[in-house]
Amino acid sequence: MRFIADLHIHSSYSRSTSKELTPEMLWKWAQIKGITVLGTGDFTHPAWFKELAQKLEPLSNGLFRLRTEFQNQTVPDLCTADVFFLLTTEISCIYRKKDRTRKVHCLIFVPDLESVMRISAALARIGNLKADGRPILGLDAKELLKIVIDANPEAVFVPAHAWTPHFSVFGAVSGFDSLEECFEELTPRIYAIETGLSSDPPMNWRLSALDGITLISNSDAHSPAKLGREANIFDSDLSYTAMMEAIRTRKGFLGTIEFFPEEGKYHHDGHRTCKVRLSPKETIAADYVCPVCGKKVTVGVLHRVEKLADRDLAMRPKGAPPYYSLIPLAEIIAEALDVGVGSRAVDREYQNLIGKLGNEFKILMDVPLHDIERVGSPLICEAIARVREGNVHIAAGYDGEYGTIRIFKGAERIKIRGQATLF
């Protein structure tokens, strides 16, 4: 069965997240987006765990579904579909190793509530699990992996957003130069890494050390509307075991849905305070300092990849699945209408499209363009066509600032509005 899964999100118990991140709203938005399996996020938080145990019904396949009495959110008819949940969490490990402070974020996937309780009990002896849905622990990432394996040998452990400068296994500020440096003799238990919003598979293909590692992508959503901005495509049985086997072996793992990496907020180097964006070459020429204020710049993902890469060009490893670069539908509509993404005009057109055509992924990837133009507008249709072709222009993100997307230039909108039919 072909389906889409987003396995890294957060709950309302994480810092800087929406209060709408409840099981009910996640169930609703997964259908709107076209996601079949959604990570729960934050399972170590006691209050969120209690809510999950109350509202989710365990199935015999290691997945969960929202109990019928909580399915009270309205979903457009053409988006209505089954949604399953998989127990997931993210842990922030901050510790000293080899004379450096390391900050590594890690994802954990498990098939049952009993495993969650064992992991949480072990971690509660190390740090405070109540303070944040993504707890910060003074724990070596390797030791965390040991705890997870001891709790359930079938659990899967994935380094999160592996290239982010400040909080990742390969991060320029506090990471490592290899998986082996971080996980030592337990490295064979790392089957996958999460590439993060600021990198895509071709960037990762430049490291031969990752040829045997599955590259997964997830939204890391802090609000329901951000679900699925990156995701994974499976062709497997709908079960925890089948999905984890697909990640481990790539059999049944069809690839990923990606941001254009330039849109990620750490793609290029730079200094946000001074509005300075730099390419890796420009950073090296500036001796890694901001040319405006003289402070150190934040080294971005592209620079870090180039530093660790042992290939000049991306070489697709044997068996590596494909990937699909997309821009979220609301952002496409905003660019087409030349208004803010949070405007009423964008929401009105978004609701029109999903109501008449189906879920967001279906619209972005599968619906014929002439059908989009029929129910939408020539501008939105043309914008989706250009995204499908990769014909977009992005001023790359840097130092925590998202990249700026441009699909149309100048008078192009006026010209396209005047055309009755494009497709």
Protein backbone atom coordinates (compact mmCIF):
# COMPACT_ATOMS: atom_id res chain seq x y z
CA MET A 1 0.00 0.00 0.00
CA ARG A 2 1.36 3.41 -0.98
CA PHE A 3 1.01 6.05 1.72
CA ILE A 4 2.65 9.17 3.15
CA ALA A 5 4.03 9.42 6.69
CA ASP A 6 5.28 12.38 8.74
CA LEU A 7 7.15 11.01 11.75
CA HIS A 8 8.56 14.11 13.46
CA ILE A 9 6.11 16.61 14.91
CA HIS A 10 5.48 18.22 18.29
CA SER A 11 2.58 18.59 20.70
CA SER A 12 1.21 21.62 22.46
CA TYR A 13 3.47 20.68 25.40
CA SER A 14 6.62 21.65 23.51
CA ARG A 15 7.96 25.18 23.72
CA SER A 16 7.00 27.62 20.97
CA THR A 17 4.25 25.43 19.57
CA SER A 18 0.59 25.95 18.77
CA LYS A 19 -2.07 25.14 21.36
CA GLU A 20 -3.97 23.49 18.50
CA LEU A 21 -1.53 20.56 18.48
CA THR A 22 -4.03 18.14 19.99
CA PRO A 23 -4.83 14.59 18.83
CA GLU A 24 -8.12 15.83 17.39
CA MET A 25 -6.55 18.61 15.34
CA LEU A 26 -3.67 16.41 14.22
CA TRP A 27 -6.21 13.85 12.99
CA LYS A 28 -8.03 16.58 11.06
CA TRP A 29 -4.96 18.17 9.48
CA ALA A 30 -3.38 14.84 8.53
CA GLN A 31 -6.41 14.25 6.31
CA ILE A 32 -6.27 17.74 4.85
CA LYS A 33 -2.59 17.26 4.02
CA GLY A 34 -2.91 13.68 2.76
CA ILE A 35 -0.89 12.00 5.53
CA THR A 36 -1.81 8.44 6.45
CA VAL A 37 0.64 7.83 9.31
CA LEU A 38 1.53 10.65 11.69
CA GLY A 39 4.03 10.64 14.52
CA THR A 40 2.61 11.60 17.90
CA GLY A 41 5.68 13.56 18.97
CA ASP A 42 6.64 14.26 22.59
CA PHE A 43 5.69 10.89 24.10
CA THR A 44 8.01 11.45 27.09
CA HIS A 45 5.93 14.37 28.36
CA PRO A 46 3.68 13.02 31.17
CA ALA A 47 0.62 15.13 30.32
CA TRP A 48 0.86 14.42 26.58
CA PHE A 49 1.37 10.71 27.25
CA LYS A 50 -1.77 10.71 29.41
CA GLU A 51 -3.72 12.42 26.64
CA LEU A 52 -2.44 9.96 24.04
CA ALA A 53 -3.35 7.00 26.22
CA GLN A 54 -6.84 8.44 26.68
CA LYS A 55 -7.57 9.42 23.09
CA LEU A 56 -5.69 6.89 20.97
CA GLU A 57 -6.76 3.29 20.49
CA PRO A 58 -3.93 0.75 20.04
CA LEU A 59 -4.19 -1.55 17.04
CA SER A 60 -2.60 -4.95 16.55
CA ASN A 61 -0.05 -3.57 14.06
CA GLY A 62 1.95 -1.26 16.34
CA LEU A 63 0.00 1.80 15.19
CA PHE A 64 -2.84 3.72 16.84
CA ARG A 65 -5.98 5.53 15.75
CA LEU A 66 -8.02 8.32 17.28
CA ARG A 67 -10.93 6.91 19.23
CA THR A 68 -14.27 7.49 17.51
CA GLU A 69 -15.64 9.74 20.26
CA PHE A 70 -12.82 12.23 19.64
CA GLN A 71 -13.23 12.38 15.86
CA ASN A 72 -15.23 15.58 16.12
CA GLN A 73 -13.43 17.89 13.69
CA THR A 74 -14.94 18.72 10.30
CA VAL A 75 -12.94 17.54 7.28
CA PRO A 76 -13.81 18.26 3.62
CA ASP A 77 -15.47 15.21 2.05
CA LEU A 78 -12.77 14.73 -0.60
CA CYS A 79 -10.06 14.75 2.09
CA THR A 80 -11.68 12.21 4.38
CA ALA A 81 -9.39 9.24 4.98
CA ASP A 82 -8.05 6.91 7.66
CA VAL A 83 -5.28 8.33 9.84
CA PHE A 84 -2.95 6.25 11.99
CA PHE A 85 -0.53 7.39 14.68
CA LEU A 86 2.95 6.08 15.47
CA LEU A 87 4.53 6.76 18.86
CA THR A 88 7.46 9.18 18.45
CA THR A 89 9.47 11.70 20.39
CA GLU A 90 12.49 13.98 20.06
CA ILE A 91 15.17 14.25 22.78
CA SER A 92 17.76 17.02 23.03
CA CYS A 93 21.08 15.65 24.30
CA ILE A 94 23.58 18.23 25.56
CA TYR A 95 26.86 16.84 26.88
CA ARG A 96 30.67 16.96 26.75
CA LYS A 97 32.54 14.56 24.53
CA LYS A 98 36.13 14.78 23.28
CA ASP A 99 36.62 18.16 24.92
CA ARG A 100 33.66 19.78 23.19
CA THR A 101 30.08 20.53 24.12
CA ARG A 102 27.79 18.45 21.93
CA LYS A 103 24.14 19.19 21.21
CA VAL A 104 22.43 16.38 19.34
CA HIS A 105 18.68 16.01 18.77
CA CYS A 106 17.42 12.45 18.39
CA LEU A 107 14.16 10.86 17.23
CA ILE A 108 12.76 7.69 18.79
CA PHE A 109 10.05 5.47 17.27
CA VAL A 110 8.37 2.69 19.30
CA PRO A 111 5.38 0.37 18.74
CA ASP A 112 3.62 0.40 22.12
CA LEU A 113 2.83 2.40 25.24
CA GLU A 114 4.78 -0.02 27.45
CA SER A 115 8.00 0.91 25.62
CA VAL A 116 7.22 4.58 26.16
CA MET A 117 6.81 4.00 29.89
CA ARG A 118 10.14 2.15 30.13
CA ILE A 119 12.00 4.86 28.20
CA SER A 120 10.35 7.67 30.16
CA ALA A 121 11.09 6.00 33.49
CA ALA A 122 14.78 5.73 32.60
CA LEU A 123 15.00 9.32 31.35
CA ALA A 124 13.09 10.75 34.32
CA ARG A 125 16.01 9.66 36.49
CA ILE A 126 18.31 11.85 34.36
CA GLY A 127 16.31 15.03 33.78
CA ASN A 128 12.97 16.83 33.95
CA LEU A 129 10.47 15.44 31.45
CA LYS A 130 7.69 17.82 32.51
CA ALA A 131 9.36 21.06 31.44
CA ASP A 132 9.20 20.53 27.68
CA GLY A 133 7.71 18.09 25.20
CA ARG A 134 11.20 17.89 23.72
CA PRO A 135 13.20 17.40 26.93
CA ILE A 136 16.76 18.65 27.28
CA LEU A 137 18.95 16.05 28.99
CA GLY A 138 22.60 15.98 29.99
CA LEU A 139 22.96 12.62 28.31
CA ASP A 140 25.36 11.30 25.68
CA ALA A 141 23.41 10.46 22.50
CA LYS A 142 25.09 7.04 22.50
CA GLU A 143 23.83 6.42 26.04
CA LEU A 144 20.35 7.48 24.98
CA LEU A 145 20.53 4.92 22.18
CA LYS A 146 21.46 2.25 24.74
CA ILE A 147 18.45 3.16 26.88
CA VAL A 148 16.14 2.96 23.88
CA ILE A 149 17.46 -0.44 22.77
CA ASP A 150 17.17 -1.81 26.29
CA ALA A 151 13.58 -0.61 26.51
CA ASN A 152 12.64 -2.29 23.22
CA PRO A 153 15.06 -3.86 20.71
CA GLU A 154 12.50 -3.09 17.98
CA ALA A 155 12.66 0.66 18.66
CA VAL A 156 14.23 2.81 15.95
CA PHE A 157 16.59 5.70 16.72
CA VAL A 158 17.21 8.45 14.14
CA PRO A 159 19.47 11.53 14.40
CA ALA A 160 17.12 14.48 13.89
CA HIS A 161 17.64 17.25 11.28
CA ALA A 162 21.19 15.94 10.98
CA TRP A 163 22.84 19.10 9.59
CA THR A 164 21.27 21.92 11.62
CA PRO A 165 24.18 24.05 12.93
CA HIS A 166 23.39 24.12 16.65
CA PHE A 167 21.51 20.91 17.50
CA SER A 168 22.42 17.94 15.31
CA VAL A 169 24.81 15.07 14.82
CA PHE A 170 26.68 16.82 11.96
CA GLY A 171 26.02 20.42 13.06
CA ALA A 172 28.81 22.91 12.46
CA VAL A 173 28.58 24.34 15.98
CA SER A 174 28.23 21.29 18.20
CA GLY A 175 28.12 18.11 16.14
CA PHE A 176 30.50 15.39 14.96
CA ASP A 177 32.29 14.68 11.68
CA SER A 178 30.88 11.16 11.42
CA LEU A 179 28.21 8.91 12.88
CA GLU A 180 30.96 6.67 14.27
CA GLU A 181 32.38 9.56 16.28
CA CYS A 182 29.03 10.01 17.97
CA PHE A 183 27.71 6.48 18.37
CA GLU A 184 30.93 4.43 18.31
CA GLU A 185 30.24 0.65 18.46
CA LEU A 186 26.47 1.26 18.33
CA THR A 187 26.65 2.98 14.92
CA PRO A 188 25.23 -0.12 13.14
CA ARG A 189 21.96 0.58 14.99
CA ILE A 190 21.63 3.87 13.08
CA TYR A 191 19.70 2.93 9.95
CA ALA A 192 18.56 6.40 8.94
CA ILE A 193 19.13 10.10 9.43
CA GLU A 194 16.63 12.92 9.07
CA THR A 195 17.99 15.36 6.48
CA GLY A 196 16.16 18.45 7.82
CA LEU A 197 14.61 21.35 5.95
CA SER A 198 17.92 22.89 4.85
CA SER A 199 19.33 19.84 3.05
CA ASP A 200 18.01 17.40 0.47
CA PRO A 201 19.15 13.94 -0.71
CA PRO A 202 21.63 15.16 -3.38
CA MET A 203 23.48 17.16 -0.74
CA ASN A 204 23.71 14.06 1.46
CA TRP A 205 24.78 11.89 -1.48
CA ARG A 206 28.07 13.77 -1.51
CA LEU A 207 29.14 11.79 1.56
CA SER A 208 29.97 8.19 0.68
CA ALA A 209 29.71 7.32 4.39
CA LEU A 210 25.93 7.82 4.07
CA ASP A 211 25.47 5.52 1.08
CA GLY A 212 24.01 2.78 3.26
CA ILE A 213 21.90 5.14 5.37
CA THR A 214 18.23 5.79 4.56
CA LEU A 215 17.48 9.50 4.26
CA ILE A 216 14.13 10.34 5.80
CA SER A 217 12.32 13.68 5.91
CA ASN A 218 9.69 15.02 8.27
CA SER A 219 7.98 18.31 9.00
CA ASP A 220 9.15 18.96 12.60
CA ALA A 221 5.81 20.77 12.72
CA HIS A 222 5.12 23.26 15.50
CA SER A 223 1.55 23.88 14.29
CA PRO A 224 -1.03 21.71 12.49
CA ALA A 225 -0.79 23.69 9.24
CA LYS A 226 2.93 22.85 8.99
CA LEU A 227 2.34 19.09 8.89
CA GLY A 228 3.78 17.42 5.81
CA ARG A 229 6.05 20.24 4.68
CA GLU A 230 8.49 17.32 4.47
CA ALA A 231 7.40 13.68 4.59
CA ASN A 232 8.13 10.08 3.57
CA ILE A 233 6.49 7.87 0.95
CA PHE A 234 6.05 4.19 1.79
CA ASP A 235 4.82 1.21 -0.19
CA SER A 236 4.46 -1.36 2.58
CA ASP A 237 1.95 -2.89 4.92
CA LEU A 238 0.38 -0.43 7.31
CA SER A 239 2.22 -1.54 10.42
CA TYR A 240 5.03 -0.40 12.67
CA THR A 241 7.14 -3.43 11.78
CA ALA A 242 6.72 -3.02 8.02
CA MET A 243 7.49 0.70 8.14
CA MET A 244 10.60 0.29 10.26
CA GLU A 245 11.80 -2.55 8.01
CA ALA A 246 11.29 -0.28 5.00
CA ILE A 247 13.41 2.40 6.66
CA ARG A 248 16.10 -0.15 7.56
CA THR A 249 16.31 -1.87 4.15
CA ARG A 250 14.76 0.73 1.77
CA LYS A 251 12.48 -2.04 0.47
CA GLY A 252 9.07 -0.44 0.52
CA PHE A 253 10.52 3.02 1.09
CA LEU A 254 9.66 5.01 -2.04
CA GLY A 255 11.39 8.27 -1.17
CA THR A 256 10.81 11.64 0.42
CA ILE A 257 8.91 14.85 -0.08
CA GLU A 258 11.30 17.75 0.45
CA PHE A 259 11.50 21.47 0.94
CA PHE A 260 13.64 23.12 -1.67
CA PRO A 261 16.67 23.19 0.69
CA GLU A 262 17.33 26.87 -0.02
CA GLU A 263 14.03 27.60 1.72
CA GLY A 264 15.35 26.11 4.97
CA LYS A 265 16.49 28.62 7.56
CA TYR A 266 20.05 27.35 7.81
CA HIS A 267 20.94 26.59 4.19
CA HIS A 268 23.50 29.37 3.70
CA ASP A 269 25.94 30.95 6.14
CA GLY A 270 25.25 34.36 7.58
CA HIS A 271 24.51 36.78 10.39
CA ARG A 272 20.81 37.55 10.72
CA THR A 273 21.27 40.62 12.95
CA CYS A 274 23.20 42.35 10.17
CA LYS A 275 21.10 40.82 7.37
CA VAL A 276 24.24 39.25 5.90
CA ARG A 277 23.81 36.11 3.78
CA LEU A 278 26.97 34.35 2.57
CA SER A 279 27.87 31.42 0.38
CA PRO A 280 30.51 29.01 1.74
CA LYS A 281 33.17 30.62 -0.47
CA GLU A 282 32.25 34.09 0.74
CA THR A 283 32.42 32.93 4.36
CA ILE A 284 35.89 31.48 3.86
CA ALA A 285 37.03 34.68 2.13
CA ALA A 286 35.68 36.68 5.11
CA ASP A 287 37.51 34.41 7.56
CA TYR A 288 34.17 33.29 9.07
CA VAL A 289 33.30 36.73 10.45
CA CYS A 290 30.45 39.07 9.56
CA PRO A 291 31.73 41.80 7.22
CA VAL A 292 29.40 44.31 8.91
CA CYS A 293 30.00 43.81 12.65
CA GLY A 294 32.98 41.46 12.82
CA LYS A 295 31.21 38.76 14.86
CA LYS A 296 31.35 35.10 13.88
CA VAL A 297 28.80 34.04 11.28
CA THR A 298 26.62 30.95 11.63
CA VAL A 299 27.96 28.28 9.31
CA GLY A 300 25.05 26.80 7.40
CA VAL A 301 24.17 23.37 6.11
CA LEU A 302 25.55 23.77 2.58
CA HIS A 303 28.94 24.82 3.98
CA ARG A 304 29.00 21.95 6.46
CA VAL A 305 28.12 19.41 3.75
CA GLU A 306 30.93 20.73 1.55
CA LYS A 307 33.38 20.46 4.43
CA LEU A 308 32.56 16.80 5.13
CA ALA A 309 31.88 15.69 1.55
CA ASP A 310 34.26 13.31 -0.20
CA ARG A 311 32.57 13.78 -3.59
CA ASP A 312 32.59 16.97 -5.63
CA LEU A 313 29.19 16.20 -7.12
CA ALA A 314 26.20 14.29 -5.83
CA MET A 315 26.28 10.67 -6.93
CA ARG A 316 23.03 8.82 -6.31
CA PRO A 317 23.96 5.67 -4.36
CA LYS A 318 22.73 2.33 -5.60
CA GLY A 319 19.24 1.71 -4.28
CA ALA A 320 18.69 5.28 -3.11
CA PRO A 321 15.01 6.19 -3.56
CA PRO A 322 13.87 9.33 -5.42
CA TYR A 323 12.74 12.59 -3.84
CA TYR A 324 10.20 15.25 -4.73
CA SER A 325 10.81 18.95 -4.00
CA LEU A 326 7.62 20.83 -3.18
CA ILE A 327 6.45 24.09 -1.66
CA PRO A 328 3.44 24.00 0.73
CA LEU A 329 0.20 24.85 -1.02
CA ALA A 330 -0.57 27.89 1.15
CA GLU A 331 2.82 29.40 0.25
CA ILE A 332 2.19 28.77 -3.45
CA ILE A 333 -1.21 30.47 -3.25
CA ALA A 334 0.30 33.43 -1.38
CA GLU A 335 2.97 33.87 -4.04
CA ALA A 336 0.41 33.58 -6.83
CA LEU A 337 -1.90 36.16 -5.24
CA ASP A 338 1.01 38.33 -4.06
CA VAL A 339 -0.32 38.47 -0.49
CA GLY A 340 0.83 37.21 2.91
CA VAL A 341 0.58 33.49 3.59
CA GLY A 342 -1.60 34.15 6.65
CA SER A 343 -4.12 36.31 4.77
CA ARG A 344 -7.83 35.56 4.43
CA ALA A 345 -7.46 35.42 0.66
CA VAL A 346 -4.98 32.55 0.94
CA ASP A 347 -7.17 30.64 3.41
CA ARG A 348 -10.23 31.16 1.21
CA GLU A 349 -8.48 29.81 -1.89
CA TYR A 350 -6.88 26.96 0.08
CA GLN A 351 -10.29 25.84 1.34
CA ASN A 352 -11.71 26.14 -2.19
CA LEU A 353 -9.02 23.88 -3.65
CA ILE A 354 -9.07 21.13 -1.03
CA GLY A 355 -12.87 21.18 -1.02
CA LYS A 356 -13.08 20.63 -4.78
CA LEU A 357 -9.92 18.62 -5.53
CA GLY A 358 -8.94 16.72 -2.38
CA ASN A 359 -5.98 16.76 -0.02
CA GLU A 360 -2.92 18.99 -0.38
CA PHE A 361 -0.44 16.32 -1.53
CA LYS A 362 -2.90 15.18 -4.18
CA ILE A 363 -3.16 18.76 -5.47
CA LEU A 364 0.60 19.37 -5.41
CA MET A 365 1.62 16.09 -7.02
CA ASP A 366 -1.21 14.33 -8.86
CA VAL A 367 -4.19 16.46 -9.92
CA PRO A 368 -4.04 17.36 -13.65
CA LEU A 369 -3.24 21.01 -14.19
CA HIS A 370 -6.38 21.67 -16.24
CA ASP A 371 -8.47 20.54 -13.24
CA ILE A 372 -6.60 22.92 -10.96
CA GLU A 373 -7.17 25.78 -13.38
CA ARG A 374 -10.84 24.87 -13.68
CA VAL A 375 -11.54 25.26 -9.95
CA GLY A 376 -8.80 27.74 -9.04
CA SER A 377 -7.16 30.38 -11.17
CA PRO A 378 -4.60 30.52 -14.00
CA LEU A 379 -2.07 32.06 -11.60
CA ILE A 380 -2.33 29.31 -9.01
CA CYS A 381 -2.31 26.65 -11.71
CA GLU A 382 0.82 28.11 -13.30
CA ALA A 383 2.49 28.41 -9.90
CA ILE A 384 1.87 24.72 -9.13
CA ALA A 385 3.15 23.77 -12.59
CA ARG A 386 6.37 25.70 -11.99
CA VAL A 387 6.89 24.10 -8.58
CA ARG A 388 6.44 20.65 -10.11
CA GLU A 389 9.13 21.54 -12.65
CA GLY A 390 11.43 23.01 -10.01
CA ASN A 391 11.19 26.36 -11.77
CA VAL A 392 11.35 28.58 -8.68
CA HIS A 393 13.69 31.25 -7.37
CA ILE A 394 14.69 31.27 -3.71
CA ALA A 395 16.91 33.66 -1.79
CA ALA A 396 18.50 31.10 0.51
CA GLY A 397 17.74 30.99 4.21
CA TYR A 398 20.51 31.69 6.72
CA ASP A 399 21.14 31.98 10.47
CA GLY A 400 17.56 31.11 11.43
CA GLU A 401 15.87 33.09 8.64
CA TYR A 402 13.75 31.11 6.16
CA GLY A 403 14.53 31.51 2.47
CA THR A 404 12.33 33.79 0.37
CA ILE A 405 10.45 32.12 -2.49
CA ARG A 406 9.71 33.77 -5.79
CA ILE A 407 7.77 31.92 -8.49
CA PHE A 408 6.77 34.93 -10.60
CA LYS A 409 8.76 37.95 -11.68
CA GLY A 410 7.46 41.47 -12.16
CA ALA A 411 4.67 41.68 -14.71
CA GLU A 412 4.27 37.91 -15.14
CA ARG A 413 1.18 37.84 -12.92
CA ILE A 414 -0.58 40.43 -15.08
CA LYS A 415 0.26 38.54 -18.26
CA ILE A 416 -0.97 35.20 -16.88
CA ARG A 417 -4.20 36.74 -15.54
CA GLY A 418 -5.00 37.80 -19.06
CA GLN A 419 -4.76 34.27 -20.43
CA ALA A 420 -8.02 32.36 -20.34
CA THR A 421 -6.58 28.85 -20.44
CA LEU A 422 -3.02 27.68 -19.85
CA PHE A 423 -3.51 23.91 -19.68
